[in-house]
Amino acid sequence: MAKTNPFDFIQQVRSEAAKVTWPTRKETMITTAMVFVMVVVASVFFLVVDQALGWGVRSVILGLGG
């Protein structure tokens, strides 16, 4: 593998960075809101599943013990 001198490397990095298309402020805000909504949805889902499984385990254990 050929070595690249630091000056060429920095030029390559700058040329690649110039090709990056950054999201607009609006796109960033929408994406952030979508992430928060999905976190809330996932949290509620796992809370409901956890409560249902806990209830099921408790009823089985209490059913066997009684």
N, C-alpha and C. Protein backbone atom coordinates (compact mmCIF):
# COMPACT_ATOMS: atom_id res chain seq x y z
N MET A 1 0.84 -1.17 0.00
CA MET A 1 0.00 0.00 0.00
C MET A 1 0.89 1.23 0.00
N ALA A 2 0.59 2.15 -0.89
CA ALA A 2 1.40 3.36 -1.02
C ALA A 2 1.05 4.34 0.09
N LYS A 3 2.10 4.98 0.60
CA LYS A 3 1.90 5.99 1.65
C LYS A 3 1.52 7.31 1.01
N THR A 4 0.61 8.02 1.66
CA THR A 4 0.19 9.34 1.20
C THR A 4 0.80 10.36 2.16
N ASN A 5 1.41 11.38 1.59
CA ASN A 5 1.99 12.37 2.49
C ASN A 5 0.87 13.18 3.13
N PRO A 6 1.15 13.80 4.28
CA PRO A 6 0.10 14.50 5.03
C PRO A 6 -0.60 15.60 4.23
N PHE A 7 0.13 16.31 3.38
CA PHE A 7 -0.47 17.39 2.59
C PHE A 7 -1.52 16.84 1.62
N ASP A 8 -1.18 15.74 0.92
CA ASP A 8 -2.15 15.11 0.01
C ASP A 8 -3.36 14.59 0.77
N PHE A 9 -3.10 14.02 1.94
CA PHE A 9 -4.18 13.48 2.75
C PHE A 9 -5.17 14.58 3.13
N ILE A 10 -4.65 15.72 3.58
CA ILE A 10 -5.51 16.83 3.97
C ILE A 10 -6.30 17.34 2.77
N GLN A 11 -5.67 17.40 1.61
CA GLN A 11 -6.39 17.83 0.40
C GLN A 11 -7.52 16.85 0.07
N GLN A 12 -7.26 15.56 0.21
CA GLN A 12 -8.28 14.55 -0.08
C GLN A 12 -9.44 14.66 0.92
N VAL A 13 -9.11 14.89 2.17
CA VAL A 13 -10.15 15.03 3.19
C VAL A 13 -11.02 16.25 2.89
N ARG A 14 -10.39 17.36 2.52
CA ARG A 14 -11.16 18.57 2.20
C ARG A 14 -12.04 18.37 0.97
N SER A 15 -11.53 17.67 -0.03
CA SER A 15 -12.34 17.46 -1.24
C SER A 15 -13.52 16.53 -0.94
N GLU A 16 -13.32 15.54 -0.09
CA GLU A 16 -14.43 14.66 0.28
C GLU A 16 -15.44 15.39 1.17
N ALA A 17 -14.95 16.22 2.08
CA ALA A 17 -15.84 16.96 2.97
C ALA A 17 -16.69 17.95 2.16
N ALA A 18 -16.16 18.45 1.05
CA ALA A 18 -16.91 19.39 0.22
C ALA A 18 -18.08 18.69 -0.47
N LYS A 19 -18.02 17.37 -0.61
CA LYS A 19 -19.08 16.62 -1.27
C LYS A 19 -20.25 16.30 -0.33
N VAL A 20 -20.07 16.53 0.96
CA VAL A 20 -21.09 16.19 1.95
C VAL A 20 -22.26 17.16 1.80
N THR A 21 -23.47 16.60 1.78
CA THR A 21 -24.67 17.45 1.78
C THR A 21 -25.27 17.40 3.19
N TRP A 22 -25.22 18.52 3.86
CA TRP A 22 -25.71 18.60 5.22
C TRP A 22 -27.22 18.82 5.22
N PRO A 23 -27.91 18.24 6.21
CA PRO A 23 -29.36 18.46 6.28
C PRO A 23 -29.66 19.90 6.68
N THR A 24 -30.82 20.36 6.27
CA THR A 24 -31.25 21.70 6.65
C THR A 24 -31.71 21.68 8.12
N ARG A 25 -31.89 22.86 8.68
CA ARG A 25 -32.37 22.95 10.06
C ARG A 25 -33.74 22.28 10.20
N LYS A 26 -34.60 22.49 9.19
CA LYS A 26 -35.94 21.90 9.23
C LYS A 26 -35.85 20.36 9.21
N GLU A 27 -35.02 19.82 8.33
CA GLU A 27 -34.86 18.36 8.27
C GLU A 27 -34.32 17.81 9.58
N THR A 28 -33.39 18.53 10.19
CA THR A 28 -32.83 18.09 11.47
C THR A 28 -33.89 18.10 12.56
N MET A 29 -34.70 19.14 12.59
CA MET A 29 -35.75 19.23 13.62
C MET A 29 -36.79 18.14 13.43
N ILE A 30 -37.18 17.88 12.19
CA ILE A 30 -38.18 16.83 11.92
C ILE A 30 -37.62 15.47 12.32
N THR A 31 -36.39 15.21 11.95
CA THR A 31 -35.77 13.93 12.29
C THR A 31 -35.64 13.76 13.81
N THR A 32 -35.27 14.83 14.50
CA THR A 32 -35.16 14.79 15.96
C THR A 32 -36.52 14.50 16.58
N ALA A 33 -37.56 15.16 16.09
CA ALA A 33 -38.91 14.92 16.62
C ALA A 33 -39.34 13.48 16.37
N MET A 34 -39.01 12.96 15.19
CA MET A 34 -39.37 11.57 14.89
C MET A 34 -38.66 10.60 15.83
N VAL A 35 -37.41 10.88 16.15
CA VAL A 35 -36.67 10.03 17.08
C VAL A 35 -37.33 10.05 18.45
N PHE A 36 -37.69 11.26 18.94
CA PHE A 36 -38.35 11.34 20.24
C PHE A 36 -39.68 10.61 20.25
N VAL A 37 -40.45 10.73 19.19
CA VAL A 37 -41.74 10.03 19.11
C VAL A 37 -41.52 8.52 19.14
N MET A 38 -40.55 8.04 18.38
CA MET A 38 -40.29 6.59 18.35
C MET A 38 -39.79 6.09 19.70
N VAL A 39 -39.01 6.90 20.41
CA VAL A 39 -38.56 6.51 21.76
C VAL A 39 -39.75 6.39 22.69
N VAL A 40 -40.69 7.33 22.62
CA VAL A 40 -41.88 7.27 23.47
C VAL A 40 -42.72 6.04 23.12
N VAL A 41 -42.92 5.79 21.82
CA VAL A 41 -43.71 4.63 21.39
C VAL A 41 -43.06 3.33 21.86
N ALA A 42 -41.73 3.22 21.68
CA ALA A 42 -41.04 2.01 22.12
C ALA A 42 -41.10 1.86 23.63
N SER A 43 -40.98 2.96 24.37
CA SER A 43 -41.05 2.90 25.84
C SER A 43 -42.41 2.41 26.30
N VAL A 44 -43.47 2.95 25.72
CA VAL A 44 -44.82 2.52 26.09
C VAL A 44 -45.04 1.06 25.74
N PHE A 45 -44.57 0.66 24.56
CA PHE A 45 -44.71 -0.74 24.15
C PHE A 45 -44.03 -1.67 25.15
N PHE A 46 -42.77 -1.36 25.50
CA PHE A 46 -42.05 -2.25 26.42
C PHE A 46 -42.63 -2.20 27.82
N LEU A 47 -43.19 -1.05 28.23
CA LEU A 47 -43.86 -0.98 29.52
C LEU A 47 -45.07 -1.92 29.54
N VAL A 48 -45.88 -1.87 28.48
CA VAL A 48 -47.07 -2.73 28.41
C VAL A 48 -46.67 -4.20 28.38
N VAL A 49 -45.67 -4.55 27.57
CA VAL A 49 -45.22 -5.95 27.49
C VAL A 49 -44.68 -6.41 28.84
N ASP A 50 -43.90 -5.55 29.50
CA ASP A 50 -43.33 -5.90 30.81
C ASP A 50 -44.43 -6.12 31.84
N GLN A 51 -45.42 -5.24 31.83
CA GLN A 51 -46.52 -5.38 32.79
C GLN A 51 -47.31 -6.66 32.51
N ALA A 52 -47.56 -6.96 31.24
CA ALA A 52 -48.32 -8.17 30.88
C ALA A 52 -47.55 -9.43 31.28
N LEU A 53 -46.26 -9.45 30.99
CA LEU A 53 -45.47 -10.62 31.36
C LEU A 53 -45.38 -10.76 32.88
N GLY A 54 -45.22 -9.63 33.57
CA GLY A 54 -45.19 -9.68 35.04
C GLY A 54 -46.49 -10.21 35.61
N TRP A 55 -47.60 -9.73 35.05
CA TRP A 55 -48.91 -10.22 35.50
C TRP A 55 -49.04 -11.72 35.23
N GLY A 56 -48.61 -12.15 34.04
CA GLY A 56 -48.69 -13.57 33.70
C GLY A 56 -47.85 -14.43 34.61
N VAL A 57 -46.64 -14.00 34.90
CA VAL A 57 -45.76 -14.78 35.78
C VAL A 57 -46.34 -14.82 37.19
N ARG A 58 -46.80 -13.66 37.68
CA ARG A 58 -47.40 -13.64 39.02
C ARG A 58 -48.61 -14.55 39.12
N SER A 59 -49.44 -14.56 38.09
CA SER A 59 -50.63 -15.40 38.14
C SER A 59 -50.28 -16.87 38.08
N VAL A 60 -49.26 -17.22 37.33
CA VAL A 60 -48.83 -18.63 37.28
C VAL A 60 -48.23 -19.05 38.62
N ILE A 61 -47.37 -18.19 39.20
CA ILE A 61 -46.75 -18.53 40.48
C ILE A 61 -47.80 -18.60 41.58
N LEU A 62 -48.70 -17.61 41.63
CA LEU A 62 -49.74 -17.64 42.65
C LEU A 62 -50.72 -18.78 42.42
N GLY A 63 -50.95 -19.12 41.15
CA GLY A 63 -51.85 -20.23 40.83
C GLY A 63 -51.26 -21.57 41.27
N LEU A 64 -49.94 -21.72 41.13
CA LEU A 64 -49.30 -22.97 41.56
C LEU A 64 -49.17 -23.05 43.07
N GLY A 65 -48.99 -21.89 43.71
CA GLY A 65 -48.81 -21.88 45.15
C GLY A 65 -50.11 -22.06 45.92
N GLY A 66 -51.21 -21.76 45.29
CA GLY A 66 -52.49 -21.76 45.99
C GLY A 66 -53.19 -23.01 45.86
